[in-house]
C-alpha cells in the first residue's frame, strides 16, 4: 500500500453565506480551529476506529513486504532470466495501471466500506491460492506472474477507496497527522517485513509466507465488518461509472498543477523502477547473498524511509517544494548508480538506507501534490491518475531495464538507470512543483439553482449554458484575456465545449457559452466550483458594466424529452 490517504475539504453545511450586491448568495470559507501544536502525530490514535484500522494495517503491510520478498526470490529460483525476474514487478504494476482510474471512480460513487471489504477478501483469496500452489510444488513462472497480477488487481481497486476514508475516521484538523501515521505504518512495515520475510523464506520456503500474507488481511476485514459507516444521500445526483471516469480525465486535462505531478511521477518511475526490478538479482547473483540478506537490504530501505519521514518536516521548512524534490531525486539517483559497484554488504546496507530516505521524500511529495492541488469531489480520481502514472512508469521501466540487464548485466543497468533519473530531473525542471492554499480547492457553493428548473429531469440534456456580458468596448482585449482563464475552469468542471461570442450590432456585448452533457452534470458543477475559481469569475465580472448581473440562461437540447432515460 504505497499511497497514503488524503485530506478533506470543507463540506457544504460548514460554510455560512451572505448576500452579494447583485443578490446572489455567497458562501464564505468557514473558520476552522488550527491544529494544536501540542497535538502530535499520535493524536488520531485516540479514535477507536482509526486506531483499530491503523494497527490492522501495520500487520497487513508487514505481510505485503513479506510477500514481495518471497515472490521476487521465488522467481529467481524458478528462472535466472533477468527479464522474467523483472516481470514480477511488471505483473504487480500493470493491473494497477489498468484499473486505477475505474477504481477511483468507484471510490467516489459507491459505498467505500463495502468496496474495501470486497477487495480485501479478493486479495486474501489470491494470496492463499498462490501459497497452496507453491506448497504443492505447482508454482511455475507463469503461475507466479498470473497470481501476482490477480493480487495486484485487488490492490488497485482497494487503494483509492482506502485513501478516501481518512476524513471519515478523524476530525478535519487531525487529518494531516492521520496521513503521517499512515506513512509511519507503511515504512515501519517496510523496515520489519522484508527482514522477517527473508528469515521465514530461508526457514519455511515461499509457500508458507504467501499463506501468512493471506492471514494478514483478516484484521482489516474484521475491523471493516464491525464498522457501522453512516451513509448519506448525495445532495446532487450520483455519478455513473463511465460519467465519473470521463469527469476525472476531463479534470486532469485542464488542471496544470495536477498534470505536473502526473508527468513528473511517470518520468521518475521509469528510471527508478530498475532498482525494484533488479534488486533480487543484485543480491543473489552480484553479491551471492541469500534470502535473509536480501530481506535485510529491503529492511534497510524501510529504515531509511522512516528516517526520511522524520526529516521531511525539517526539509519542508528549509527548502521549497521543488528544490526538496530535486535534491531527493539526486540522492536517490546517485545511490542507485553507486550500489551496483559496492561489494561490501554492510556498506550496501547504508546505501539502501539513503535510497529509502530519498524514496520517502519523493513519494510523499508526489502523493501530497496529487491530493492538495484538487478539490474533494475529484480527489480519489486524481489519486487514481497518480497511481496510473506511477504504475505505468513502474511496469514500462521494469520490462525495459530487465531487457537491458539481460544484455549488459545488472551493475551496468543500475548505473544507466541512475543517470536516467538525473536526466529526468533536467527534463522536468521546467515544470516545478508548487503548493496552493486550501481555499483554492474549497467549494464556494455560491451558484444559485434556477427556480424554474428545479424539477428538470437529471438525465435531460445536453445543456447549453449562456451568460450575457456588457463591457466597455475599450476593455475588450483585457476582458477576453480574463474570460479565457475562466474557460479552463468550465471545461475542467464538466463543460464539453466552450465559446465566447460578440454581438457585431451592439459593441461591448459578449455571450459566453458552454455545453454540459446532462442537467445532472451541470448540477454537479454547482458543487465543484471552488473559491479559487470564484476569484477568476469575480475578476471577469469586474468588466461587466450593466445595471444587473450578467444574465444566465440554461437551454436543453430540443429533440430529446426531459424525461427520456439517459445516463447522467
Protein backbone atom coordinates (compact mmCIF):
# COMPACT_ATOMS: atom_id res chain seq x y z
CA UNK A 1 0.00 0.00 0.00
CA UNK A 2 2.31 2.73 -1.29
CA UNK A 3 -0.16 5.56 -1.36
CA UNK A 4 -1.37 7.25 1.76
CA UNK A 5 -4.75 8.73 2.40
CA UNK A 6 -5.89 12.24 1.66
CA UNK A 7 -7.19 15.47 3.08
CA UNK A 8 -10.82 16.56 3.16
CA UNK A 9 -12.18 19.91 2.17
CA UNK A 10 -14.97 21.88 3.76
CA UNK A 11 -18.42 20.37 3.42
CA UNK A 12 -21.40 22.41 2.33
CA UNK A 13 -23.03 22.71 5.74
CA UNK A 14 -19.96 24.31 7.34
CA UNK A 15 -19.98 27.42 5.17
CA UNK A 16 -22.14 30.39 6.21
CA UNK A 17 -23.41 32.62 3.44
CA UNK A 18 -24.22 36.27 2.87
CA UNK A 19 -25.77 38.27 0.06
CA UNK A 20 -23.73 39.83 -2.73
CA UNK A 21 -24.68 43.23 -4.06
CA UNK A 22 -26.26 41.51 -7.04
CA UNK A 23 -28.43 39.40 -4.76
CA UNK A 24 -26.53 36.15 -5.26
CA UNK A 25 -25.89 34.03 -2.19
CA UNK A 26 -22.22 33.55 -1.50
CA UNK A 27 -20.66 31.04 0.88
CA UNK A 28 -17.61 32.18 2.78
CA UNK A 29 -14.89 29.82 3.93
CA UNK A 30 -15.63 28.50 7.36
CA UNK A 31 -13.16 29.42 10.08
CA UNK A 32 -11.63 26.26 11.42
CA UNK A 33 -9.61 25.86 14.58
CA UNK A 34 -5.95 25.43 13.82
CA UNK A 35 -4.44 22.14 14.89
CA UNK A 36 -2.84 22.37 18.29
CA UNK A 37 0.93 22.22 18.02
CA UNK A 38 0.90 20.02 21.12
CA UNK A 39 -1.49 17.56 19.49
CA UNK A 40 1.32 15.49 17.98
CA UNK A 41 1.25 12.88 15.29
CA UNK A 42 -0.23 10.28 17.67
CA UNK A 43 -3.44 12.20 18.39
CA UNK A 44 -5.61 10.38 15.78
CA UNK A 45 -4.92 7.11 17.60
CA UNK A 46 -7.34 8.28 20.31
CA UNK A 47 -10.18 7.44 17.92
CA UNK A 48 -11.05 3.76 18.33
CA UNK A 49 -11.91 3.01 14.68
CA UNK A 50 -8.85 4.75 13.29
CA UNK A 51 -6.65 3.06 15.89
CA UNK A 52 -8.03 -0.38 15.07
CA UNK A 53 -7.56 0.12 11.32
CA UNK A 54 -4.06 1.53 11.83
CA UNK A 55 -2.92 -1.47 13.88
CA UNK A 56 -4.51 -3.89 11.40
CA UNK A 57 -2.80 -2.02 8.56
CA UNK A 58 0.63 -2.38 10.17
CA UNK A 59 0.24 -6.18 10.20
CA UNK A 60 -1.19 -6.18 6.68
CA UNK A 61 1.69 -4.07 5.36
CA UNK A 62 4.21 -6.38 7.05
CA UNK A 63 2.53 -9.23 5.20
CA UNK A 64 2.77 -7.28 1.95
CA UNK A 65 6.54 -6.85 2.27
CA UNK A 66 7.00 -10.49 3.29
CA UNK A 67 5.05 -11.49 0.18
CA UNK A 68 7.02 -9.17 -2.13
CA UNK A 69 10.35 -10.53 -0.91
CA UNK A 70 9.15 -14.13 -1.31
CA UNK A 71 7.66 -13.60 -4.77
CA UNK A 72 10.80 -11.92 -6.12
CA UNK A 73 13.04 -14.58 -4.60
CA UNK A 74 10.83 -17.43 -5.78
CA UNK A 75 11.18 -16.22 -9.37
CA UNK A 76 14.98 -16.25 -9.06
CA UNK A 77 14.76 -19.94 -8.09
CA UNK A 78 12.37 -20.71 -10.95
CA UNK A 79 14.34 -18.79 -13.58
CA UNK A 80 17.58 -16.81 -13.66
CA UNK A 81 16.48 -14.85 -16.73
CA UNK A 82 16.62 -11.11 -15.82
CA UNK A 83 13.51 -10.37 -17.89
CA UNK A 84 11.37 -12.91 -16.01
CA UNK A 85 12.62 -11.65 -12.65
CA UNK A 86 11.83 -8.07 -13.67
CA UNK A 87 8.37 -9.13 -14.93
CA UNK A 88 7.34 -9.91 -11.34
CA UNK A 89 7.42 -6.16 -10.75
CA UNK A 90 5.59 -5.57 -14.03
CA UNK A 91 2.89 -8.09 -13.08
CA UNK A 92 2.34 -6.22 -9.84
CA UNK A 93 2.25 -2.82 -11.52
CA UNK A 94 0.39 -3.30 -14.81
CA UNK A 95 -3.04 -4.29 -13.36
CA UNK A 96 -2.91 -1.19 -11.21
CA UNK A 97 -2.21 0.85 -14.32
CA UNK A 98 -5.30 -0.64 -16.00
CA UNK A 99 -7.70 -0.50 -13.04
CA UNK A 100 -6.66 2.55 -11.04
CA UNK A 101 -8.93 5.05 -12.81
CA UNK A 102 -12.08 2.89 -12.67
CA UNK A 103 -11.19 2.21 -9.02
CA UNK A 104 -11.07 5.93 -8.30
CA UNK A 105 -14.47 6.42 -9.90
CA UNK A 106 -15.90 3.52 -7.88
CA UNK A 107 -14.46 5.02 -4.69
CA UNK A 108 -16.22 8.30 -5.41
CA UNK A 109 -19.64 6.85 -6.28
CA UNK A 110 -20.04 3.61 -4.23
CA UNK A 111 -20.12 2.78 -0.54
CA UNK A 112 -16.41 2.70 0.30
CA UNK A 113 -16.73 0.27 3.20
CA UNK A 114 -18.35 -2.40 1.02
CA UNK A 115 -15.83 -1.82 -1.76
CA UNK A 116 -12.97 -2.24 0.72
CA UNK A 117 -14.45 -5.46 2.09
CA UNK A 118 -14.73 -6.94 -1.39
CA UNK A 119 -11.17 -6.04 -2.34
CA UNK A 120 -9.70 -7.29 0.94
CA UNK A 121 -11.39 -10.69 0.52
CA UNK A 122 -10.20 -10.75 -3.11
CA UNK A 123 -6.57 -10.22 -2.06
CA UNK A 124 -6.82 -12.76 0.77
CA UNK A 125 -8.08 -15.41 -1.66
CA UNK A 126 -5.37 -14.66 -4.25
CA UNK A 127 -2.53 -14.92 -1.71
CA UNK A 128 -3.98 -18.14 -0.27
CA UNK A 129 -4.22 -19.81 -3.70
CA UNK A 130 -0.63 -18.83 -4.53
CA UNK A 131 0.56 -20.21 -1.19
CA UNK A 132 -1.22 -23.53 -1.64
CA UNK A 133 0.03 -23.98 -5.21
CA UNK A 134 3.59 -23.19 -4.14
CA UNK A 135 3.50 -25.69 -1.26
CA UNK A 136 2.10 -28.32 -3.65
CA UNK A 137 5.05 -27.72 -6.00
CA UNK A 138 2.88 -26.40 -8.82
CA UNK A 139 4.36 -22.90 -8.89
CA UNK A 140 5.82 -22.01 -12.27
CA UNK A 141 6.92 -18.63 -13.63
CA UNK A 142 3.55 -18.32 -15.40
CA UNK A 143 1.56 -19.23 -12.24
CA UNK A 144 3.55 -16.74 -10.16
CA UNK A 145 3.09 -13.93 -12.68
CA UNK A 146 -0.64 -14.55 -13.16
CA UNK A 147 -1.46 -14.72 -9.44
CA UNK A 148 0.74 -11.72 -8.75
CA UNK A 149 -1.34 -9.82 -11.32
CA UNK A 150 -4.60 -11.05 -9.75
CA UNK A 151 -3.48 -9.94 -6.30
CA UNK A 152 -2.37 -6.58 -7.71
CA UNK A 153 -5.80 -6.13 -9.33
CA UNK A 154 -7.45 -6.34 -5.92
CA UNK A 155 -4.92 -3.86 -4.53
CA UNK A 156 -5.63 -1.46 -7.39
CA UNK A 157 -9.37 -1.48 -6.67
CA UNK A 158 -8.65 -1.07 -2.96
CA UNK A 159 -6.23 1.85 -2.95
CA UNK A 160 -8.36 4.89 -3.90
CA UNK A 161 -11.19 3.93 -1.52
CA UNK A 162 -8.68 3.29 1.26
CA UNK A 163 -7.13 6.72 0.86
CA UNK A 164 -10.52 8.44 0.72
CA UNK A 165 -11.88 7.17 4.08
CA UNK A 166 -9.44 9.03 6.36
CA UNK A 167 -11.61 12.18 6.69
CA UNK A 168 -14.43 9.90 7.90
CA UNK A 169 -12.27 8.44 10.68
CA UNK A 170 -10.80 11.56 12.32
CA UNK A 171 -11.75 15.26 12.66
CA UNK A 172 -10.60 17.58 9.91
CA UNK A 173 -7.85 19.19 11.98
CA UNK A 174 -6.32 15.76 12.65
CA UNK A 175 -6.24 14.58 9.04
CA UNK A 176 -2.61 15.67 8.40
CA UNK A 177 -1.49 13.75 11.49
CA UNK A 178 -3.51 10.73 10.34
CA UNK A 179 -1.79 10.85 6.95
CA UNK A 180 1.60 10.99 8.67
CA UNK A 181 0.64 7.96 10.77
CA UNK A 182 -0.24 6.17 7.54
CA UNK A 183 3.29 6.81 6.30
CA UNK A 184 4.71 5.60 9.60
CA UNK A 185 2.65 2.41 9.30
CA UNK A 186 3.88 1.71 5.81
CA UNK A 187 7.54 2.36 6.50
CA UNK A 188 7.51 0.60 9.87
CA UNK A 189 6.25 -2.46 7.99
CA UNK A 190 8.86 -1.86 5.33
CA UNK A 191 11.59 -1.96 7.98
CA UNK A 192 10.25 -5.17 9.55
CA UNK A 193 8.56 -7.06 6.73
CA UNK A 194 11.44 -7.70 4.30
CA UNK A 195 13.83 -8.93 7.01
CA UNK A 196 11.11 -11.08 8.59
CA UNK A 197 10.12 -12.33 5.15
CA UNK A 198 13.72 -13.23 4.35
CA UNK A 199 14.04 -15.10 7.66
CA UNK A 200 10.80 -17.05 7.11
CA UNK A 201 11.68 -17.62 3.48
CA UNK A 202 15.01 -19.16 4.47
CA UNK A 203 13.40 -21.36 7.14
CA UNK A 204 9.99 -22.28 5.70
CA UNK A 205 10.08 -21.53 1.97
CA UNK A 206 7.87 -19.16 -0.05
CA UNK A 207 4.58 -21.10 0.19
CA UNK A 208 4.02 -20.62 3.94
CA UNK A 209 4.99 -16.95 3.60
CA UNK A 210 2.25 -16.50 1.00
CA UNK A 211 -0.25 -18.10 3.39
CA UNK A 212 0.84 -15.74 6.16
CA UNK A 213 0.23 -12.91 3.70
CA UNK A 214 -3.33 -14.17 3.25
CA UNK A 215 -3.85 -14.23 7.03
CA UNK A 216 -2.63 -10.62 7.31
CA UNK A 217 -5.83 -9.39 5.64
CA UNK A 218 -8.08 -10.81 8.36
CA UNK A 219 -7.51 -7.94 10.80
CA UNK A 220 -8.60 -5.27 8.32
CA UNK A 221 -11.60 -7.35 7.23
CA UNK A 222 -12.68 -7.76 10.88
CA UNK A 223 -12.49 -4.01 11.56
CA UNK A 224 -14.38 -3.16 8.37
CA UNK A 225 -17.13 -5.66 9.23
CA UNK A 226 -17.52 -4.03 12.66
CA UNK A 227 -17.57 -0.50 11.23
CA UNK A 228 -21.09 0.90 11.05
CA UNK A 229 -20.45 3.56 8.46
CA UNK A 230 -23.03 6.32 8.18
CA UNK A 231 -24.30 6.53 4.62
CA UNK A 232 -25.67 9.85 3.38
CA UNK A 233 -27.71 10.67 0.33
CA UNK A 234 -25.83 12.94 -2.10
CA UNK A 235 -27.11 16.49 -2.47
CA UNK A 236 -26.71 16.27 -6.24
CA UNK A 237 -27.44 13.26 -8.48
CA UNK A 238 -24.92 10.46 -8.02
CA UNK A 239 -22.48 9.96 -10.87
CA UNK A 240 -22.46 6.85 -13.03
CA UNK A 241 -19.30 4.87 -13.60
CA UNK A 242 -18.42 5.97 -17.14
CA UNK A 243 -19.50 9.53 -16.48
CA UNK A 244 -17.31 9.66 -13.38
CA UNK A 245 -14.29 8.35 -15.31
CA UNK A 246 -14.84 10.93 -18.06
CA UNK A 247 -15.14 13.68 -15.45
CA UNK A 248 -11.85 12.64 -13.83
CA UNK A 249 -9.98 12.57 -17.13
CA UNK A 250 -11.55 15.86 -18.21
CA UNK A 251 -10.49 17.49 -14.96
CA UNK A 252 -6.88 16.34 -15.38
CA UNK A 253 -6.78 17.65 -18.97
CA UNK A 254 -7.45 21.16 -17.68
CA UNK A 255 -5.55 21.13 -14.35
CA UNK A 256 -1.90 22.19 -14.96
CA UNK A 257 -0.74 21.59 -11.37
CA UNK A 258 -2.09 18.04 -11.37
CA UNK A 259 -0.54 17.47 -14.80
CA UNK A 260 2.84 18.47 -13.37
CA UNK A 261 2.55 15.86 -10.62
CA UNK A 262 1.47 13.15 -13.05
CA UNK A 263 4.15 13.89 -15.65
CA UNK A 264 7.00 14.08 -13.15
CA UNK A 265 5.82 10.91 -11.41
CA UNK A 266 5.92 8.95 -14.67
CA UNK A 267 9.35 10.22 -15.71
CA UNK A 268 10.85 9.44 -12.30
CA UNK A 269 9.32 5.98 -12.06
CA UNK A 270 10.66 4.87 -15.45
CA UNK A 271 14.19 5.40 -14.13
CA UNK A 272 13.60 4.35 -10.51
CA UNK A 273 11.90 1.06 -11.40
CA UNK A 274 15.29 -0.51 -12.24
CA UNK A 275 16.19 -0.80 -8.57
CA UNK A 276 12.97 -2.57 -7.57
CA UNK A 277 13.08 -4.87 -10.59
CA UNK A 278 16.75 -5.88 -10.33
CA UNK A 279 17.50 -5.79 -6.61
CA UNK A 280 16.81 -9.56 -6.21
CA UNK A 281 19.41 -10.29 -8.93
CA UNK A 282 21.85 -7.77 -7.44
CA UNK A 283 21.64 -9.62 -4.11
CA UNK A 284 21.65 -13.20 -5.39
CA UNK A 285 23.99 -13.00 -8.40
CA UNK A 286 26.21 -9.97 -7.86
CA UNK A 287 26.68 -10.42 -4.09
CA UNK A 288 25.98 -14.14 -3.80
CA UNK A 289 23.65 -13.36 -0.88
CA UNK A 290 20.78 -15.49 0.35
CA UNK A 291 17.14 -14.77 1.12
CA UNK A 292 17.90 -13.42 4.60
CA UNK A 293 20.45 -10.91 3.28
CA UNK A 294 18.01 -9.84 0.57
CA UNK A 295 15.39 -9.21 3.25
CA UNK A 296 17.92 -7.17 5.23
CA UNK A 297 18.57 -4.97 2.18
CA UNK A 298 14.85 -4.32 1.81
CA UNK A 299 14.60 -3.65 5.54
CA UNK A 300 17.41 -1.09 5.28
CA UNK A 301 15.36 0.77 2.66
CA UNK A 302 12.44 0.76 5.10
CA UNK A 303 14.57 2.12 7.95
CA UNK A 304 15.86 4.82 5.61
CA UNK A 305 12.27 5.70 4.71
CA UNK A 306 11.44 6.07 8.42
CA UNK A 307 14.38 8.47 8.74
CA UNK A 308 13.03 10.30 5.69
CA UNK A 309 9.66 10.67 7.42
CA UNK A 310 11.40 12.24 10.42
CA UNK A 311 13.44 14.59 8.20
CA UNK A 312 10.52 15.56 5.96
CA UNK A 313 9.12 18.40 8.15
CA UNK A 314 12.62 19.89 8.51
CA UNK A 315 13.21 19.69 4.76
CA UNK A 316 9.87 21.37 4.04
CA UNK A 317 10.77 24.27 6.33
CA UNK A 318 14.24 24.59 4.79
CA UNK A 319 13.63 24.18 1.06
CA UNK A 320 10.93 24.98 -1.43
CA UNK A 321 8.80 22.04 -2.55
CA UNK A 322 10.51 21.84 -5.92
CA UNK A 323 14.05 22.14 -4.53
CA UNK A 324 13.36 19.44 -1.95
CA UNK A 325 12.04 17.17 -4.70
CA UNK A 326 15.05 17.67 -6.97
CA UNK A 327 17.58 17.13 -4.17
CA UNK A 328 15.81 13.92 -3.09
CA UNK A 329 15.79 12.61 -6.66
CA UNK A 330 19.51 13.39 -6.97
CA UNK A 331 20.29 11.45 -3.76
CA UNK A 332 18.20 8.52 -4.98
CA UNK A 333 19.85 8.53 -8.43
CA UNK A 334 23.40 8.63 -7.08
CA UNK A 335 22.71 5.87 -4.56
CA UNK A 336 21.21 3.60 -7.26
CA UNK A 337 24.16 4.20 -9.58
CA UNK A 338 26.73 3.52 -6.85
CA UNK A 339 25.11 0.45 -5.28
CA UNK A 340 25.98 -1.77 -8.25
CA UNK A 341 29.72 -1.14 -7.70
CA UNK A 342 29.66 -1.93 -3.96
CA UNK A 343 30.54 -5.47 -2.88
CA UNK A 344 30.76 -4.84 0.89
CA UNK A 345 27.42 -5.90 2.38
CA UNK A 346 27.47 -3.50 5.35
CA UNK A 347 28.26 -0.55 3.08
CA UNK A 348 25.47 -1.60 0.75
CA UNK A 349 23.05 -1.57 3.69
CA UNK A 350 23.97 2.09 4.25
CA UNK A 351 23.38 2.91 0.59
CA UNK A 352 19.99 1.21 0.76
CA UNK A 353 19.19 3.44 3.73
CA UNK A 354 19.99 6.53 1.63
CA UNK A 355 17.74 5.17 -1.11
CA UNK A 356 14.95 4.80 1.46
CA UNK A 357 15.33 8.43 2.59
CA UNK A 358 15.12 9.71 -0.98
CA UNK A 359 12.21 7.43 -1.86
CA UNK A 360 10.17 8.53 1.16
CA UNK A 361 10.60 12.23 0.44
CA UNK A 362 9.89 11.84 -3.27
CA UNK A 363 6.78 9.69 -2.90
CA UNK A 364 5.38 11.79 -0.06
CA UNK A 365 5.79 14.97 -2.11
CA UNK A 366 4.16 13.45 -5.19
CA UNK A 367 1.29 11.99 -3.15
CA UNK A 368 0.56 15.19 -1.26
CA UNK A 369 0.81 17.14 -4.51
CA UNK A 370 -1.80 14.88 -6.13
CA UNK A 371 -4.15 15.40 -3.17
CA UNK A 372 -3.81 19.07 -2.32
CA UNK A 373 -3.99 20.51 -5.84
CA UNK A 374 -7.52 19.18 -6.43
CA UNK A 375 -10.92 19.61 -4.70
CA UNK A 376 -12.55 16.83 -2.70
CA UNK A 377 -15.06 15.77 -5.38
CA UNK A 378 -12.33 14.52 -7.71
CA UNK A 379 -9.62 13.62 -5.18
CA UNK A 380 -9.96 9.84 -5.43
CA UNK A 381 -9.83 10.08 -9.21
CA UNK A 382 -6.79 12.37 -9.10
CA UNK A 383 -5.03 9.89 -6.84
CA UNK A 384 -6.06 7.14 -9.25
CA UNK A 385 -4.44 9.01 -12.13
CA UNK A 386 -1.35 9.40 -9.96
CA UNK A 387 -1.43 5.65 -9.40
CA UNK A 388 -1.83 5.08 -13.16
CA UNK A 389 1.27 7.14 -13.94
CA UNK A 390 3.21 5.55 -11.08
CA UNK A 391 2.39 2.04 -12.20
CA UNK A 392 2.79 2.82 -15.89
CA UNK A 393 6.32 4.04 -15.20
CA UNK A 394 7.00 1.03 -12.98
CA UNK A 395 5.66 -1.52 -15.47
CA UNK A 396 7.31 0.02 -18.52
CA UNK A 397 10.60 0.67 -16.75
CA UNK A 398 10.80 -2.80 -15.16
CA UNK A 399 10.41 -4.54 -18.52
CA UNK A 400 12.87 -2.12 -20.16
CA UNK A 401 15.56 -2.48 -17.50
CA UNK A 402 15.09 -6.24 -17.38
CA UNK A 403 15.76 -6.42 -21.12
CA UNK A 404 18.83 -4.15 -20.83
CA UNK A 405 20.16 -6.18 -17.88
CA UNK A 406 19.96 -9.33 -19.98
CA UNK A 407 22.32 -7.75 -22.50
CA UNK A 408 24.55 -5.50 -20.36
CA UNK A 409 24.38 -7.00 -16.87
CA UNK A 410 22.82 -5.76 -13.64
CA UNK A 411 25.61 -3.38 -12.47
CA UNK A 412 25.77 -1.50 -15.78
CA UNK A 413 21.97 -1.32 -15.97
CA UNK A 414 21.66 0.20 -12.49
CA UNK A 415 24.32 2.77 -13.34
CA UNK A 416 22.43 3.72 -16.51
CA UNK A 417 19.16 3.98 -14.60
CA UNK A 418 20.75 6.38 -12.09
CA UNK A 419 21.89 8.56 -14.98
CA UNK A 420 18.38 8.45 -16.48
CA UNK A 421 16.91 9.82 -13.23
CA UNK A 422 19.34 12.76 -13.33
CA UNK A 423 18.37 13.35 -16.96
CA UNK A 424 14.72 13.27 -15.89
CA UNK A 425 15.38 16.00 -13.31
CA UNK A 426 16.78 18.22 -16.07
CA UNK A 427 13.91 17.46 -18.46
CA UNK A 428 11.14 18.15 -15.90
CA UNK A 429 12.74 21.15 -14.21
CA UNK A 430 10.58 23.47 -16.31
CA UNK A 431 7.50 22.01 -14.56
CA UNK A 432 8.06 22.98 -10.90
CA UNK A 433 6.07 21.54 -8.01
CA UNK A 434 4.01 24.22 -6.22
CA UNK A 435 1.79 24.41 -3.16
CA UNK A 436 -1.57 26.17 -3.25
CA UNK A 437 -3.74 27.43 -0.37
CA UNK A 438 -6.55 25.18 0.81
CA UNK A 439 -9.19 27.80 -0.01
CA UNK A 440 -8.31 27.48 -3.70
CA UNK A 441 -9.80 23.96 -3.76
CA UNK A 442 -12.61 24.55 -1.24
CA UNK A 443 -16.15 24.61 -2.75
CA UNK A 444 -17.61 28.12 -2.85
CA UNK A 445 -21.22 26.86 -3.31
CA UNK A 446 -22.40 30.29 -4.44
CA UNK A 447 -24.17 29.39 -7.69
CA UNK A 448 -27.94 29.57 -7.20
CA UNK A 449 -30.22 26.90 -8.72
CA UNK A 450 -32.78 28.49 -11.08
CA UNK A 451 -36.25 28.08 -9.53
CA UNK A 452 -37.84 27.36 -12.91
CA UNK A 453 -35.54 24.37 -13.45
CA UNK A 454 -35.67 22.70 -10.05
CA UNK A 455 -37.91 19.91 -11.38
CA UNK A 456 -35.88 19.28 -14.53
CA UNK A 457 -35.11 15.60 -15.03
CA UNK A 458 -31.44 14.85 -14.16
CA UNK A 459 -30.97 12.96 -17.44
CA UNK A 460 -32.13 15.86 -19.61
CA UNK A 461 -29.50 17.27 -21.89
CA UNK A 462 -27.11 18.16 -23.29
CA UNK A 463 -27.39 21.56 -21.57
CA UNK A 464 -26.26 24.83 -23.14
CA UNK A 465 -25.37 27.47 -20.53
CA UNK A 466 -25.18 31.08 -21.75
CA UNK A 467 -24.02 34.20 -19.86
CA UNK A 468 -24.50 37.71 -21.26
CA UNK A 469 -21.90 40.42 -20.52
CA UNK A 470 -21.92 44.14 -21.26
CA UNK A 471 -18.46 45.68 -21.15
CA UNK A 472 -16.70 48.86 -22.12
CA UNK A 473 -15.54 48.23 -25.73
CA UNK A 474 -12.21 49.82 -24.85
CA UNK A 475 -11.58 46.93 -22.43
CA UNK A 476 -12.29 44.16 -24.94
CA UNK A 477 -8.74 42.80 -25.02
CA UNK A 478 -8.42 42.66 -21.23
CA UNK A 479 -11.88 41.07 -20.91
CA UNK A 480 -11.10 38.34 -23.44
CA UNK A 481 -7.82 37.56 -21.69
CA UNK A 482 -9.63 37.20 -18.36
CA UNK A 483 -12.54 35.12 -19.62
CA UNK A 484 -10.29 32.63 -21.40
CA UNK A 485 -8.90 31.79 -17.96
CA UNK A 486 -12.48 31.03 -16.94
CA UNK A 487 -12.80 28.76 -19.99
CA UNK A 488 -10.27 26.32 -18.50
CA UNK A 489 -12.39 26.12 -15.33
CA UNK A 490 -15.61 25.48 -17.26
CA UNK A 491 -14.02 22.62 -19.20
CA UNK A 492 -12.31 21.17 -16.14
CA UNK A 493 -15.54 21.04 -14.12
CA UNK A 494 -17.71 19.44 -16.80
CA UNK A 495 -18.02 21.62 -19.88
CA UNK A 496 -17.61 19.72 -23.15
CA UNK A 497 -17.44 22.82 -25.36
CA UNK A 498 -16.81 26.48 -24.56
CA UNK A 499 -17.01 29.68 -26.57
CA UNK A 500 -17.18 33.48 -26.29
CA UNK A 501 -19.13 35.42 -28.93
CA UNK A 502 -19.51 39.13 -29.61
CA UNK A 503 -22.60 40.91 -30.96
CA UNK A 504 -21.49 42.99 -34.01
CA UNK A 505 -24.66 45.07 -33.75
CA UNK A 506 -24.03 46.09 -30.12
CA UNK A 507 -20.37 46.94 -29.31
CA UNK A 508 -19.36 45.59 -25.92
CA UNK A 509 -21.97 42.81 -25.78
CA UNK A 510 -20.49 39.33 -25.34
CA UNK A 511 -22.09 35.92 -24.79
CA UNK A 512 -20.19 33.14 -23.04
CA UNK A 513 -21.42 29.61 -23.82
CA UNK A 514 -20.53 26.14 -22.67
CA UNK A 515 -22.17 22.73 -23.13
CA UNK A 516 -22.60 20.11 -20.39
CA UNK A 517 -23.61 16.52 -21.13
CA UNK A 518 -26.69 16.48 -18.83
CA UNK A 519 -28.63 18.52 -16.31
CA UNK A 520 -27.29 16.29 -13.53
CA UNK A 521 -23.73 17.06 -14.60
CA UNK A 522 -24.48 20.79 -14.57
CA UNK A 523 -25.87 20.48 -11.04
CA UNK A 524 -22.60 18.85 -10.04
CA UNK A 525 -20.79 21.88 -11.43
CA UNK A 526 -22.50 23.91 -8.70
CA UNK A 527 -20.69 21.81 -6.08
CA UNK A 528 -17.37 21.72 -7.97
CA UNK A 529 -16.79 25.47 -8.26
CA UNK A 530 -14.12 26.50 -5.72
CA UNK A 531 -13.02 29.76 -4.13
CA UNK A 532 -10.00 29.73 -6.41
CA UNK A 533 -12.39 29.51 -9.38
CA UNK A 534 -14.59 32.19 -7.86
CA UNK A 535 -11.70 34.66 -7.76
CA UNK A 536 -11.30 34.20 -11.54
CA UNK A 537 -15.06 34.60 -12.08
CA UNK A 538 -15.15 37.72 -9.89
CA UNK A 539 -12.35 39.24 -11.94
CA UNK A 540 -14.28 38.57 -15.16
CA UNK A 541 -17.39 40.20 -13.67
CA UNK A 542 -15.49 43.41 -12.85
CA UNK A 543 -15.62 44.14 -16.60
CA UNK A 544 -19.46 43.93 -16.63
CA UNK A 545 -20.99 47.42 -16.62
CA UNK A 546 -24.67 46.51 -16.85
CA UNK A 547 -27.08 47.58 -14.10
CA UNK A 548 -28.00 43.92 -13.45
CA UNK A 549 -25.64 40.95 -13.02
CA UNK A 550 -24.76 39.02 -16.19
CA UNK A 551 -27.85 37.19 -17.39
CA UNK A 552 -27.61 33.38 -17.17
CA UNK A 553 -29.69 31.10 -19.44
CA UNK A 554 -29.97 27.29 -19.49
CA UNK A 555 -31.12 25.64 -22.73
CA UNK A 556 -31.88 21.92 -23.09
CA UNK A 557 -31.32 20.11 -26.36
CA UNK A 558 -34.64 20.33 -28.13
CA UNK A 559 -35.25 16.92 -29.71
CA UNK A 560 -34.85 14.89 -26.50
CA UNK A 561 -37.66 14.72 -23.96
CA UNK A 562 -36.66 15.85 -20.49
CA UNK A 563 -37.96 12.59 -19.09
CA UNK A 564 -36.28 10.27 -21.54
CA UNK A 565 -33.84 7.86 -19.89
CA UNK A 566 -30.21 8.78 -20.38
CA UNK A 567 -27.02 8.15 -18.46
CA UNK A 568 -26.35 11.10 -16.20
